[in-house]
């Protein structure tokens, strides 16, 4: 219900059928971490191959390449803000910093559901 006042005529009417627009639900919080399985499933389900990630890692200079390979192969969880994850994601997704932040937020939310 809402009350409508017409300032020109001074009349007040009541609209009994009016309903306020429901507020859009807030998106779920961005997970700080996702598991190795969740990340890899997200990649595959979104058209990326594990070979693409490995090629990006292999293109890094040493010692960063070896460190990245250890992170990729041995980590049980991946942190949303980890510099290596951001670097590889930026190259894989071909996004600038602002677009990358939004894409990572969406990816982590989606992957957390797997």
PDB file of N, CA and C in Angstrom:
ATOM      1  N   UNK A   1       0.842  -1.158   0.000  1.00  0.00           N
ATOM      2  CA  UNK A   1       0.000   0.000   0.000  1.00  0.00           C
ATOM      3  C   UNK A   1       0.896   1.233   0.000  1.00  0.00           C
ATOM      4  N   UNK A   2       0.413   2.292  -0.679  1.00  0.00           N
ATOM      5  CA  UNK A   2       1.097   3.568  -0.601  1.00  0.00           C
ATOM      6  C   UNK A   2       0.063   4.685  -0.632  1.00  0.00           C
ATOM      7  N   UNK A   3       0.449   5.779  -0.036  1.00  0.00           N
ATOM      8  CA  UNK A   3      -0.394   6.971   0.002  1.00  0.00           C
ATOM      9  C   UNK A   3       0.201   7.969  -0.977  1.00  0.00           C
ATOM     10  N   UNK A   4      -0.677   8.525  -1.831  1.00  0.00           N
ATOM     11  CA  UNK A   4      -0.226   9.468  -2.839  1.00  0.00           C
ATOM     12  C   UNK A   4      -0.892  10.811  -2.564  1.00  0.00           C
ATOM     13  N   UNK A   5      -0.069  11.826  -2.441  1.00  0.00           N
ATOM     14  CA  UNK A   5      -0.594  13.174  -2.209  1.00  0.00           C
ATOM     15  C   UNK A   5      -0.347  13.997  -3.464  1.00  0.00           C
ATOM     16  N   UNK A   6      -1.394  14.609  -3.998  1.00  0.00           N
ATOM     17  CA  UNK A   6      -1.301  15.468  -5.172  1.00  0.00           C
ATOM     18  C   UNK A   6      -1.226  16.903  -4.669  1.00  0.00           C
ATOM     19  N   UNK A   7      -0.072  17.527  -4.812  1.00  0.00           N
ATOM     20  CA  UNK A   7       0.137  18.878  -4.291  1.00  0.00           C
ATOM     21  C   UNK A   7      -0.706  19.911  -5.023  1.00  0.00           C
ATOM     22  N   UNK A   8      -1.030  19.674  -6.279  1.00  0.00           N
ATOM     23  CA  UNK A   8      -1.833  20.646  -7.039  1.00  0.00           C
ATOM     24  C   UNK A   8      -3.275  20.689  -6.548  1.00  0.00           C
ATOM     25  N   UNK A   9      -3.850  19.531  -6.315  1.00  0.00           N
ATOM     26  CA  UNK A   9      -5.269  19.470  -5.924  1.00  0.00           C
ATOM     27  C   UNK A   9      -5.464  19.350  -4.429  1.00  0.00           C
ATOM     28  N   UNK A  10      -4.417  18.959  -3.724  1.00  0.00           N
ATOM     29  CA  UNK A  10      -4.533  18.762  -2.287  1.00  0.00           C
ATOM     30  C   UNK A  10      -5.220  17.450  -1.920  1.00  0.00           C
ATOM     31  N   UNK A  11      -5.443  16.576  -2.909  1.00  0.00           N
ATOM     32  CA  UNK A  11      -6.124  15.303  -2.646  1.00  0.00           C
ATOM     33  C   UNK A  11      -5.117  14.205  -2.304  1.00  0.00           C
ATOM     34  N   UNK A  12      -5.556  13.342  -1.454  1.00  0.00           N
ATOM     35  CA  UNK A  12      -4.773  12.182  -1.071  1.00  0.00           C
ATOM     36  C   UNK A  12      -5.522  10.935  -1.495  1.00  0.00           C
ATOM     37  N   UNK A  13      -4.803  10.010  -2.141  1.00  0.00           N
ATOM     38  CA  UNK A  13      -5.398   8.727  -2.524  1.00  0.00           C
ATOM     39  C   UNK A  13      -4.544   7.603  -1.968  1.00  0.00           C
ATOM     40  N   UNK A  14      -5.168   6.471  -1.840  1.00  0.00           N
ATOM     41  CA  UNK A  14      -4.472   5.293  -1.331  1.00  0.00           C
ATOM     42  C   UNK A  14      -4.497   4.227  -2.412  1.00  0.00           C
ATOM     43  N   UNK A  15      -3.313   3.722  -2.731  1.00  0.00           N
ATOM     44  CA  UNK A  15      -3.177   2.630  -3.708  1.00  0.00           C
ATOM     45  C   UNK A  15      -2.936   1.353  -2.904  1.00  0.00           C
ATOM     46  N   UNK A  16      -3.979   0.545  -2.740  1.00  0.00           N
ATOM     47  CA  UNK A  16      -3.891  -0.653  -1.902  1.00  0.00           C
ATOM     48  C   UNK A  16      -3.123  -1.794  -2.565  1.00  0.00           C
ATOM     49  N   UNK A  17      -2.973  -1.751  -3.885  1.00  0.00           N
ATOM     50  CA  UNK A  17      -2.315  -2.850  -4.594  1.00  0.00           C
ATOM     51  C   UNK A  17      -0.817  -2.639  -4.802  1.00  0.00           C
ATOM     52  N   UNK A  18      -0.331  -1.449  -4.538  1.00  0.00           N
ATOM     53  CA  UNK A  18       1.080  -1.155  -4.772  1.00  0.00           C
ATOM     54  C   UNK A  18       1.971  -1.968  -3.839  1.00  0.00           C
ATOM     55  N   UNK A  19       3.036  -2.513  -4.395  1.00  0.00           N
ATOM     56  CA  UNK A  19       4.029  -3.257  -3.618  1.00  0.00           C
ATOM     57  C   UNK A  19       5.403  -2.674  -3.931  1.00  0.00           C
ATOM     58  N   UNK A  20       6.228  -2.473  -2.931  1.00  0.00           N
ATOM     59  CA  UNK A  20       7.580  -1.967  -3.216  1.00  0.00           C
ATOM     60  C   UNK A  20       8.378  -3.016  -3.993  1.00  0.00           C
ATOM     61  N   UNK A  21       9.322  -2.533  -4.796  1.00  0.00           N
ATOM     62  CA  UNK A  21      10.210  -3.437  -5.523  1.00  0.00           C
ATOM     63  C   UNK A  21      11.073  -4.187  -4.500  1.00  0.00           C
ATOM     64  N   UNK A  22      11.182  -5.495  -4.657  1.00  0.00           N
ATOM     65  CA  UNK A  22      12.048  -6.214  -3.719  1.00  0.00           C
ATOM     66  C   UNK A  22      13.507  -5.806  -3.927  1.00  0.00           C
ATOM     67  N   UNK A  23      14.235  -5.730  -2.853  1.00  0.00           N
ATOM     68  CA  UNK A  23      15.647  -5.378  -2.952  1.00  0.00           C
ATOM     69  C   UNK A  23      16.403  -6.549  -3.559  1.00  0.00           C
ATOM     70  N   UNK A  24      17.332  -6.217  -4.426  1.00  0.00           N
ATOM     71  CA  UNK A  24      18.158  -7.255  -5.034  1.00  0.00           C
ATOM     72  C   UNK A  24      19.008  -7.896  -3.936  1.00  0.00           C
ATOM     73  N   UNK A  25      19.087  -9.219  -3.943  1.00  0.00           N
ATOM     74  CA  UNK A  25      19.909  -9.864  -2.914  1.00  0.00           C
ATOM     75  C   UNK A  25      21.381  -9.537  -3.130  1.00  0.00           C
ATOM     76  N   UNK A  26      22.095  -9.439  -2.054  1.00  0.00           N
ATOM     77  CA  UNK A  26      23.534  -9.199  -2.139  1.00  0.00           C
ATOM     78  C   UNK A  26      24.218 -10.457  -2.658  1.00  0.00           C
ATOM     79  N   UNK A  27      25.262 -10.282  -3.478  1.00  0.00           N
ATOM     80  CA  UNK A  27      25.981 -11.471  -3.925  1.00  0.00           C
ATOM     81  C   UNK A  27      26.677 -12.126  -2.731  1.00  0.00           C
ATOM     82  N   UNK A  28      26.911 -13.415  -2.817  1.00  0.00           N
ATOM     83  CA  UNK A  28      27.622 -14.064  -1.706  1.00  0.00           C
ATOM     84  C   UNK A  28      29.028 -13.478  -1.586  1.00  0.00           C
ATOM     85  N   UNK A  29      29.608 -13.546  -0.408  1.00  0.00           N
ATOM     86  CA  UNK A  29      30.968 -13.026  -0.264  1.00  0.00           C
ATOM     87  C   UNK A  29      31.942 -13.812  -1.144  1.00  0.00           C
ATOM     88  N   UNK A  30      33.010 -13.157  -1.514  1.00  0.00           N
ATOM     89  CA  UNK A  30      34.034 -13.817  -2.326  1.00  0.00           C
ATOM     90  C   UNK A  30      34.864 -14.697  -1.406  1.00  0.00           C
ATOM     91  N   UNK A  31      34.952 -15.987  -1.708  1.00  0.00           N
ATOM     92  CA  UNK A  31      35.788 -16.867  -0.882  1.00  0.00           C
ATOM     93  C   UNK A  31      37.256 -16.438  -0.967  1.00  0.00           C
ATOM     94  N   UNK A  32      37.952 -16.495   0.124  1.00  0.00           N
ATOM     95  CA  UNK A  32      39.386 -16.163   0.120  1.00  0.00           C
ATOM     96  C   UNK A  32      40.186 -17.255  -0.538  1.00  0.00           C
ATOM     97  N   UNK A  33      39.702 -18.501  -0.430  1.00  0.00           N
ATOM     98  CA  UNK A  33      40.409 -19.625  -1.035  1.00  0.00           C
ATOM     99  C   UNK A  33      39.405 -20.564  -1.690  1.00  0.00           C
ATOM    100  N   UNK A  34      39.907 -21.301  -2.670  1.00  0.00           N
ATOM    101  CA  UNK A  34      39.164 -22.420  -3.246  1.00  0.00           C
ATOM    102  C   UNK A  34      40.134 -23.589  -3.340  1.00  0.00           C
ATOM    103  N   UNK A  35      39.588 -24.778  -3.432  1.00  0.00           N
ATOM    104  CA  UNK A  35      40.452 -25.954  -3.480  1.00  0.00           C
ATOM    105  C   UNK A  35      41.028 -26.145  -4.880  1.00  0.00           C
ATOM    106  N   UNK A  36      42.024 -26.972  -4.928  1.00  0.00           N
ATOM    107  CA  UNK A  36      42.648 -27.325  -6.212  1.00  0.00           C
ATOM    108  C   UNK A  36      41.598 -27.900  -7.160  1.00  0.00           C
ATOM    109  N   UNK A  37      40.776 -28.803  -6.648  1.00  0.00           N
ATOM    110  CA  UNK A  37      39.725 -29.415  -7.462  1.00  0.00           C
ATOM    111  C   UNK A  37      38.762 -28.364  -7.990  1.00  0.00           C
ATOM    112  N   UNK A  38      38.342 -27.451  -7.123  1.00  0.00           N
ATOM    113  CA  UNK A  38      37.391 -26.418  -7.534  1.00  0.00           C
ATOM    114  C   UNK A  38      37.968 -25.530  -8.637  1.00  0.00           C
ATOM    115  N   UNK A  39      39.228 -25.138  -8.498  1.00  0.00           N
ATOM    116  CA  UNK A  39      39.849 -24.298  -9.523  1.00  0.00           C
ATOM    117  C   UNK A  39      39.927 -25.024 -10.852  1.00  0.00           C
ATOM    118  N   UNK A  40      40.366 -26.258 -10.815  1.00  0.00           N
ATOM    119  CA  UNK A  40      40.528 -27.005 -12.069  1.00  0.00           C
ATOM    120  C   UNK A  40      39.181 -27.294 -12.723  1.00  0.00           C
ATOM    121  N   UNK A  41      38.165 -27.594 -11.931  1.00  0.00           N
ATOM    122  CA  UNK A  41      36.824 -27.775 -12.501  1.00  0.00           C
ATOM    123  C   UNK A  41      36.314 -26.474 -13.115  1.00  0.00           C
ATOM    124  N   UNK A  42      36.565 -25.359 -12.434  1.00  0.00           N
ATOM    125  CA  UNK A  42      36.124 -24.077 -12.976  1.00  0.00           C
ATOM    126  C   UNK A  42      36.789 -23.814 -14.323  1.00  0.00           C
ATOM    127  N   UNK A  43      38.080 -24.066 -14.406  1.00  0.00           N
ATOM    128  CA  UNK A  43      38.791 -23.847 -15.667  1.00  0.00           C
ATOM    129  C   UNK A  43      38.170 -24.666 -16.796  1.00  0.00           C
ATOM    130  N   UNK A  44      38.014 -25.957 -16.558  1.00  0.00           N
ATOM    131  CA  UNK A  44      37.490 -26.850 -17.599  1.00  0.00           C
ATOM    132  C   UNK A  44      36.065 -26.470 -17.988  1.00  0.00           C
ATOM    133  N   UNK A  45      35.237 -26.177 -17.003  1.00  0.00           N
ATOM    134  CA  UNK A  45      33.837 -25.843 -17.280  1.00  0.00           C
ATOM    135  C   UNK A  45      33.675 -24.487 -17.972  1.00  0.00           C
ATOM    136  N   UNK A  46      34.731 -23.684 -17.952  1.00  0.00           N
ATOM    137  CA  UNK A  46      34.668 -22.384 -18.602  1.00  0.00           C
ATOM    138  C   UNK A  46      35.524 -22.316 -19.862  1.00  0.00           C
ATOM    139  N   UNK A  47      35.878 -23.484 -20.382  1.00  0.00           N
ATOM    140  CA  UNK A  47      36.541 -23.541 -21.683  1.00  0.00           C
ATOM    141  C   UNK A  47      38.048 -23.397 -21.682  1.00  0.00           C
ATOM    142  N   UNK A  48      38.670 -23.479 -20.525  1.00  0.00           N
ATOM    143  CA  UNK A  48      40.123 -23.396 -20.444  1.00  0.00           C
ATOM    144  C   UNK A  48      40.683 -24.792 -20.206  1.00  0.00           C
ATOM    145  N   UNK A  49      41.864 -25.029 -20.718  1.00  0.00           N
ATOM    146  CA  UNK A  49      42.482 -26.345 -20.514  1.00  0.00           C
ATOM    147  C   UNK A  49      43.605 -26.227 -19.491  1.00  0.00           C
ATOM    148  N   UNK A  50      43.889 -27.337 -18.867  1.00  0.00           N
ATOM    149  CA  UNK A  50      45.004 -27.359 -17.928  1.00  0.00           C
ATOM    150  C   UNK A  50      46.312 -27.145 -18.688  1.00  0.00           C
ATOM    151  N   UNK A  51      46.353 -27.572 -19.950  1.00  0.00           N
ATOM    152  CA  UNK A  51      47.539 -27.362 -20.778  1.00  0.00           C
ATOM    153  C   UNK A  51      47.801 -25.872 -21.004  1.00  0.00           C
ATOM    154  N   UNK A  52      46.740 -25.069 -21.087  1.00  0.00           N
ATOM    155  CA  UNK A  52      46.923 -23.628 -21.241  1.00  0.00           C
ATOM    156  C   UNK A  52      47.611 -23.037 -20.011  1.00  0.00           C
ATOM    157  N   UNK A  53      47.202 -23.476 -18.846  1.00  0.00           N
ATOM    158  CA  UNK A  53      47.818 -22.982 -17.611  1.00  0.00           C
ATOM    159  C   UNK A  53      49.275 -23.424 -17.555  1.00  0.00           C
ATOM    160  N   UNK A  54      49.518 -24.670 -17.900  1.00  0.00           N
ATOM    161  CA  UNK A  54      50.888 -25.173 -17.875  1.00  0.00           C
ATOM    162  C   UNK A  54      51.770 -24.432 -18.869  1.00  0.00           C
ATOM    163  N   UNK A  55      51.225 -24.071 -20.028  1.00  0.00           N
ATOM    164  CA  UNK A  55      51.992 -23.298 -21.017  1.00  0.00           C
ATOM    165  C   UNK A  55      52.340 -21.920 -20.463  1.00  0.00           C
ATOM    166  N   UNK A  56      51.403 -21.299 -19.746  1.00  0.00           N
ATOM    167  CA  UNK A  56      51.691 -20.003 -19.133  1.00  0.00           C
ATOM    168  C   UNK A  56      52.798 -20.133 -18.094  1.00  0.00           C
ATOM    169  N   UNK A  57      52.745 -21.198 -17.314  1.00  0.00           N
ATOM    170  CA  UNK A  57      53.784 -21.435 -16.302  1.00  0.00           C
ATOM    171  C   UNK A  57      55.125 -21.667 -16.982  1.00  0.00           C
ATOM    172  N   UNK A  58      55.141 -22.470 -18.035  1.00  0.00           N
ATOM    173  CA  UNK A  58      56.391 -22.769 -18.736  1.00  0.00           C
ATOM    174  C   UNK A  58      57.001 -21.538 -19.400  1.00  0.00           C
ATOM    175  N   UNK A  59      56.199 -20.523 -19.662  1.00  0.00           N
ATOM    176  CA  UNK A  59      56.700 -19.299 -20.301  1.00  0.00           C
ATOM    177  C   UNK A  59      57.344 -18.337 -19.292  1.00  0.00           C
ATOM    178  N   UNK A  60      57.202 -18.620 -18.002  1.00  0.00           N
ATOM    179  CA  UNK A  60      57.780 -17.748 -16.981  1.00  0.00           C
ATOM    180  C   UNK A  60      59.300 -17.948 -16.911  1.00  0.00           C
ATOM    181  N   UNK A  61      60.024 -16.912 -16.530  1.00  0.00           N
ATOM    182  CA  UNK A  61      61.468 -17.062 -16.337  1.00  0.00           C
ATOM    183  C   UNK A  61      61.748 -17.787 -15.024  1.00  0.00           C
ATOM    184  N   UNK A  62      62.920 -18.388 -14.938  1.00  0.00           N
ATOM    185  CA  UNK A  62      63.350 -19.017 -13.682  1.00  0.00           C
ATOM    186  C   UNK A  62      63.773 -17.932 -12.708  1.00  0.00           C
ATOM    187  N   UNK A  63      63.646 -18.077 -11.446  1.00  0.00           N
ATOM    188  CA  UNK A  63      63.115 -19.211 -10.696  1.00  0.00           C
ATOM    189  C   UNK A  63      61.592 -19.174 -10.560  1.00  0.00           C
ATOM    190  N   UNK A  64      60.962 -18.134 -11.108  1.00  0.00           N
ATOM    191  CA  UNK A  64      59.512 -18.009 -10.992  1.00  0.00           C
ATOM    192  C   UNK A  64      58.795 -19.212 -11.596  1.00  0.00           C
ATOM    193  N   UNK A  65      59.334 -19.765 -12.684  1.00  0.00           N
ATOM    194  CA  UNK A  65      58.701 -20.920 -13.334  1.00  0.00           C
ATOM    195  C   UNK A  65      58.631 -22.110 -12.380  1.00  0.00           C
ATOM    196  N   UNK A  66      59.746 -22.409 -11.722  1.00  0.00           N
ATOM    197  CA  UNK A  66      59.765 -23.552 -10.804  1.00  0.00           C
ATOM    198  C   UNK A  66      58.836 -23.312  -9.623  1.00  0.00           C
ATOM    199  N   UNK A  67      58.852 -22.104  -9.085  1.00  0.00           N
ATOM    200  CA  UNK A  67      57.959 -21.788  -7.972  1.00  0.00           C
ATOM    201  C   UNK A  67      56.493 -21.896  -8.398  1.00  0.00           C
ATOM    202  N   UNK A  68      56.198 -21.426  -9.596  1.00  0.00           N
ATOM    203  CA  UNK A  68      54.821 -21.510 -10.100  1.00  0.00           C
ATOM    204  C   UNK A  68      54.401 -22.957 -10.302  1.00  0.00           C
ATOM    205  N   UNK A  69      55.299 -23.757 -10.814  1.00  0.00           N
ATOM    206  CA  UNK A  69      54.988 -25.174 -11.025  1.00  0.00           C
ATOM    207  C   UNK A  69      54.695 -25.855  -9.679  1.00  0.00           C
ATOM    208  N   UNK A  70      55.461 -25.532  -8.658  1.00  0.00           N
ATOM    209  CA  UNK A  70      55.225 -26.097  -7.319  1.00  0.00           C
ATOM    210  C   UNK A  70      53.851 -25.661  -6.822  1.00  0.00           C
ATOM    211  N   UNK A  71      53.540 -24.371  -6.963  1.00  0.00           N
ATOM    212  CA  UNK A  71      52.224 -23.873  -6.531  1.00  0.00           C
ATOM    213  C   UNK A  71      51.102 -24.594  -7.278  1.00  0.00           C
ATOM    214  N   UNK A  72      51.235 -24.706  -8.589  1.00  0.00           N
ATOM    215  CA  UNK A  72      50.195 -25.316  -9.424  1.00  0.00           C
ATOM    216  C   UNK A  72      50.010 -26.794  -9.106  1.00  0.00           C
ATOM    217  N   UNK A  73      51.109 -27.518  -8.952  1.00  0.00           N
ATOM    218  CA  UNK A  73      51.032 -28.969  -8.775  1.00  0.00           C
ATOM    219  C   UNK A  73      50.815 -29.403  -7.324  1.00  0.00           C
ATOM    220  N   UNK A  74      51.290 -28.620  -6.376  1.00  0.00           N
ATOM    221  CA  UNK A  74      51.296 -29.094  -4.993  1.00  0.00           C
ATOM    222  C   UNK A  74      50.346 -28.371  -4.041  1.00  0.00           C
ATOM    223  N   UNK A  75      49.828 -27.229  -4.430  1.00  0.00           N
ATOM    224  CA  UNK A  75      48.919 -26.504  -3.537  1.00  0.00           C
ATOM    225  C   UNK A  75      47.609 -27.274  -3.397  1.00  0.00           C
ATOM    226  N   UNK A  76      47.063 -27.288  -2.199  1.00  0.00           N
ATOM    227  CA  UNK A  76      45.746 -27.900  -1.998  1.00  0.00           C
ATOM    228  C   UNK A  76      44.653 -26.850  -2.049  1.00  0.00           C
ATOM    229  N   UNK A  77      45.043 -25.580  -1.849  1.00  0.00           N
ATOM    230  CA  UNK A  77      44.107 -24.467  -1.945  1.00  0.00           C
ATOM    231  C   UNK A  77      44.787 -23.319  -2.691  1.00  0.00           C
ATOM    232  N   UNK A  78      43.953 -22.520  -3.354  1.00  0.00           N
ATOM    233  CA  UNK A  78      44.459 -21.352  -4.067  1.00  0.00           C
ATOM    234  C   UNK A  78      43.831 -20.114  -3.452  1.00  0.00           C
ATOM    235  N   UNK A  79      44.676 -19.120  -3.148  1.00  0.00           N
ATOM    236  CA  UNK A  79      44.236 -17.882  -2.515  1.00  0.00           C
ATOM    237  C   UNK A  79      43.841 -16.868  -3.570  1.00  0.00           C
ATOM    238  N   UNK A  80      42.705 -16.238  -3.356  1.00  0.00           N
ATOM    239  CA  UNK A  80      42.165 -15.252  -4.294  1.00  0.00           C
ATOM    240  C   UNK A  80      43.165 -14.134  -4.594  1.00  0.00           C
ATOM    241  N   UNK A  81      43.902 -13.675  -3.605  1.00  0.00           N
ATOM    242  CA  UNK A  81      44.808 -12.544  -3.790  1.00  0.00           C
ATOM    243  C   UNK A  81      46.254 -12.903  -4.046  1.00  0.00           C
ATOM    244  N   UNK A  82      46.561 -14.182  -4.222  1.00  0.00           N
ATOM    245  CA  UNK A  82      47.956 -14.587  -4.422  1.00  0.00           C
ATOM    246  C   UNK A  82      48.497 -13.957  -5.703  1.00  0.00           C
ATOM    247  N   UNK A  83      49.677 -13.317  -5.637  1.00  0.00           N
ATOM    248  CA  UNK A  83      50.216 -12.627  -6.814  1.00  0.00           C
ATOM    249  C   UNK A  83      50.396 -13.539  -8.039  1.00  0.00           C
ATOM    250  N   UNK A  84      50.832 -14.768  -7.832  1.00  0.00           N
ATOM    251  CA  UNK A  84      51.012 -15.673  -8.970  1.00  0.00           C
ATOM    252  C   UNK A  84      49.676 -16.027  -9.614  1.00  0.00           C
ATOM    253  N   UNK A  85      48.673 -16.301  -8.801  1.00  0.00           N
ATOM    254  CA  UNK A  85      47.353 -16.614  -9.348  1.00  0.00           C
ATOM    255  C   UNK A  85      46.835 -15.429 -10.158  1.00  0.00           C
ATOM    256  N   UNK A  86      47.002 -14.225  -9.631  1.00  0.00           N
ATOM    257  CA  UNK A  86      46.556 -13.021 -10.351  1.00  0.00           C
ATOM    258  C   UNK A  86      47.318 -12.853 -11.668  1.00  0.00           C
ATOM    259  N   UNK A  87      48.607 -13.095 -11.628  1.00  0.00           N
ATOM    260  CA  UNK A  87      49.421 -12.952 -12.833  1.00  0.00           C
ATOM    261  C   UNK A  87      48.982 -13.939 -13.911  1.00  0.00           C
ATOM    262  N   UNK A  88      48.859 -15.199 -13.544  1.00  0.00           N
ATOM    263  CA  UNK A  88      48.460 -16.226 -14.521  1.00  0.00           C
ATOM    264  C   UNK A  88      47.024 -16.013 -14.996  1.00  0.00           C
ATOM    265  N   UNK A  89      46.133 -15.648 -14.077  1.00  0.00           N
ATOM    266  CA  UNK A  89      44.738 -15.410 -14.461  1.00  0.00           C
ATOM    267  C   UNK A  89      44.641 -14.235 -15.421  1.00  0.00           C
ATOM    268  N   UNK A  90      45.398 -13.183 -15.160  1.00  0.00           N
ATOM    269  CA  UNK A  90      45.385 -12.029 -16.052  1.00  0.00           C
ATOM    270  C   UNK A  90      45.816 -12.399 -17.461  1.00  0.00           C
ATOM    271  N   UNK A  91      46.834 -13.241 -17.558  1.00  0.00           N
ATOM    272  CA  UNK A  91      47.306 -13.679 -18.881  1.00  0.00           C
ATOM    273  C   UNK A  91      46.322 -14.649 -19.530  1.00  0.00           C
ATOM    274  N   UNK A  92      45.782 -15.565 -18.751  1.00  0.00           N
ATOM    275  CA  UNK A  92      44.854 -16.554 -19.301  1.00  0.00           C
ATOM    276  C   UNK A  92      43.554 -15.894 -19.762  1.00  0.00           C
ATOM    277  N   UNK A  93      43.025 -15.007 -18.939  1.00  0.00           N
ATOM    278  CA  UNK A  93      41.750 -14.366 -19.250  1.00  0.00           C
ATOM    279  C   UNK A  93      41.911 -13.133 -20.131  1.00  0.00           C
ATOM    280  N   UNK A  94      43.156 -12.660 -20.254  1.00  0.00           N
ATOM    281  CA  UNK A  94      43.468 -11.460 -21.058  1.00  0.00           C
ATOM    282  C   UNK A  94      42.670 -10.246 -20.580  1.00  0.00           C
ATOM    283  N   UNK A  95      42.807  -9.972 -19.279  1.00  0.00           N
ATOM    284  CA  UNK A  95      42.058  -8.872 -18.675  1.00  0.00           C
ATOM    285  C   UNK A  95      43.002  -7.907 -17.972  1.00  0.00           C
ATOM    286  N   UNK A  96      42.613  -6.621 -17.935  1.00  0.00           N
ATOM    287  CA  UNK A  96      43.379  -5.643 -17.167  1.00  0.00           C
ATOM    288  C   UNK A  96      43.019  -5.783 -15.687  1.00  0.00           C
ATOM    289  N   UNK A  97      43.679  -4.989 -14.852  1.00  0.00           N
ATOM    290  CA  UNK A  97      43.542  -5.151 -13.401  1.00  0.00           C
ATOM    291  C   UNK A  97      42.103  -5.035 -12.914  1.00  0.00           C
ATOM    292  N   UNK A  98      41.377  -3.989 -13.346  1.00  0.00           N
ATOM    293  CA  UNK A  98      40.010  -3.803 -12.858  1.00  0.00           C
ATOM    294  C   UNK A  98      39.090  -4.930 -13.300  1.00  0.00           C
ATOM    295  N   UNK A  99      39.169  -5.289 -14.572  1.00  0.00           N
ATOM    296  CA  UNK A  99      38.331  -6.378 -15.080  1.00  0.00           C
ATOM    297  C   UNK A  99      38.749  -7.701 -14.441  1.00  0.00           C
ATOM    298  N   UNK A 100      40.030  -7.858 -14.183  1.00  0.00           N
ATOM    299  CA  UNK A 100      40.527  -9.092 -13.567  1.00  0.00           C
ATOM    300  C   UNK A 100      39.963  -9.262 -12.162  1.00  0.00           C
ATOM    301  N   UNK A 101      39.917  -8.194 -11.386  1.00  0.00           N
ATOM    302  CA  UNK A 101      39.375  -8.286 -10.023  1.00  0.00           C
ATOM    303  C   UNK A 101      37.939  -8.789 -10.049  1.00  0.00           C
ATOM    304  N   UNK A 102      37.124  -8.216 -10.914  1.00  0.00           N
ATOM    305  CA  UNK A 102      35.720  -8.639 -11.013  1.00  0.00           C
ATOM    306  C   UNK A 102      35.617 -10.073 -11.500  1.00  0.00           C
ATOM    307  N   UNK A 103      36.445 -10.446 -12.471  1.00  0.00           N
ATOM    308  CA  UNK A 103      36.414 -11.806 -13.013  1.00  0.00           C
ATOM    309  C   UNK A 103      36.847 -12.826 -11.960  1.00  0.00           C
ATOM    310  N   UNK A 104      37.873 -12.497 -11.185  1.00  0.00           N
ATOM    311  CA  UNK A 104      38.322 -13.416 -10.133  1.00  0.00           C
ATOM    312  C   UNK A 104      37.259 -13.568  -9.048  1.00  0.00           C
ATOM    313  N   UNK A 105      36.619 -12.463  -8.693  1.00  0.00           N
ATOM    314  CA  UNK A 105      35.537 -12.552  -7.705  1.00  0.00           C
ATOM    315  C   UNK A 105      34.456 -13.508  -8.201  1.00  0.00           C
ATOM    316  N   UNK A 106      34.025 -13.330  -9.442  1.00  0.00           N
ATOM    317  CA  UNK A 106      32.979 -14.181 -10.008  1.00  0.00           C
ATOM    318  C   UNK A 106      33.447 -15.631 -10.108  1.00  0.00           C
ATOM    319  N   UNK A 107      34.678 -15.834 -10.533  1.00  0.00           N
ATOM    320  CA  UNK A 107      35.211 -17.191 -10.678  1.00  0.00           C
ATOM    321  C   UNK A 107      35.292 -17.895  -9.325  1.00  0.00           C
ATOM    322  N   UNK A 108      35.773 -17.202  -8.308  1.00  0.00           N
ATOM    323  CA  UNK A 108      35.892 -17.819  -6.984  1.00  0.00           C
ATOM    324  C   UNK A 108      34.516 -18.135  -6.411  1.00  0.00           C
ATOM    325  N   UNK A 109      33.554 -17.238  -6.621  1.00  0.00           N
ATOM    326  CA  UNK A 109      32.191 -17.534  -6.146  1.00  0.00           C
ATOM    327  C   UNK A 109      31.644 -18.783  -6.837  1.00  0.00           C
ATOM    328  N   UNK A 110      31.813 -18.834  -8.153  1.00  0.00           N
ATOM    329  CA  UNK A 110      31.301 -19.969  -8.914  1.00  0.00           C
ATOM    330  C   UNK A 110      32.023 -21.259  -8.530  1.00  0.00           C
ATOM    331  N   UNK A 111      33.336 -21.203  -8.484  1.00  0.00           N
ATOM    332  CA  UNK A 111      34.136 -22.396  -8.186  1.00  0.00           C
ATOM    333  C   UNK A 111      33.848 -22.930  -6.790  1.00  0.00           C
ATOM    334  N   UNK A 112      33.553 -22.055  -5.856  1.00  0.00           N
ATOM    335  CA  UNK A 112      33.263 -22.504  -4.488  1.00  0.00           C
ATOM    336  C   UNK A 112      32.034 -23.401  -4.438  1.00  0.00           C
ATOM    337  N   UNK A 113      31.176 -23.319  -5.448  1.00  0.00           N
ATOM    338  CA  UNK A 113      29.978 -24.154  -5.486  1.00  0.00           C
ATOM    339  C   UNK A 113      30.202 -25.530  -6.073  1.00  0.00           C
ATOM    340  N   UNK A 114      31.385 -25.795  -6.566  1.00  0.00           N
ATOM    341  CA  UNK A 114      31.665 -27.115  -7.178  1.00  0.00           C
ATOM    342  C   UNK A 114      32.043 -28.125  -6.125  1.00  0.00           C
TER     343      UNK A 114
END
